[in-house]
């Protein structure tokens, strides 16, 4: 016959085992989030292709007029303390400016297709703090046309396709604000002359839980990259900052 003290100890062991088992099962389950979003970003910086240099300046109020096509998607899968995060941004932009060069009045046209994809591995070092690291891939198809820029008024044209891979490291924090709101902030640095000379990024947004599975996101995103490669006619430089308000919709499954 088991005495009362032994029964109490046995009950505590069984409760602890059940709790640990439940936690293990919960940690062993994948939780997924898919987000579609849009950034009303201004774009500002300098671009060079060969001997042609120009400023890239598309304000927030002009972004829709200059945006030919855009698609932005992200995914986050969590299992226990670990998470896998993917992000894809594609934008096709066109910008035109009039000015006066060395040989009279000129018109500059900048066209660019920008693809940015990112894959990160994240680990929860605390209850609401993750550290992550990964790779961010850039591909730029750019073309510069300077109409009337030549000595005889001819058009000067340069085009280039560049791609590079940046290692990135960063932090992510998630804080509840009441029953339905959550504040999420993440930021990272990278490049380190492996791909670009240097890049940094920050995103802050509030998530409002419309239903247990769907949330509306409202926030701000900024990314800055300084890439320089080649010399002479093969020189390419993309020193550009992109940032602005963002809205999105997240679905959990």
Foldseek 3Di string as FASTA:
>chain_A
DDDPVRVVVVVVVVVVVVVVVVVQVQLADKKKKKKWKDFLKWKWDKKDFFPDIDIRTADSVRCVVFWPDKTKMKMWMHHHFKIKIKIKIWTWGKDKDWDADPQGTKIKIKTKIKIKMWIKMWGDPDPFKIKIKTKIKIKMWMKMWIQLHDNVRHIDIGIDIDMWMKIKIKMKGWADDPDFKIKIKMKIKIPVVRFFVIKIKIWIWMWGPPDPFKTKIKTKIKMFTWHWDDHHNRTITDGMIMMGIMIMMMGMD
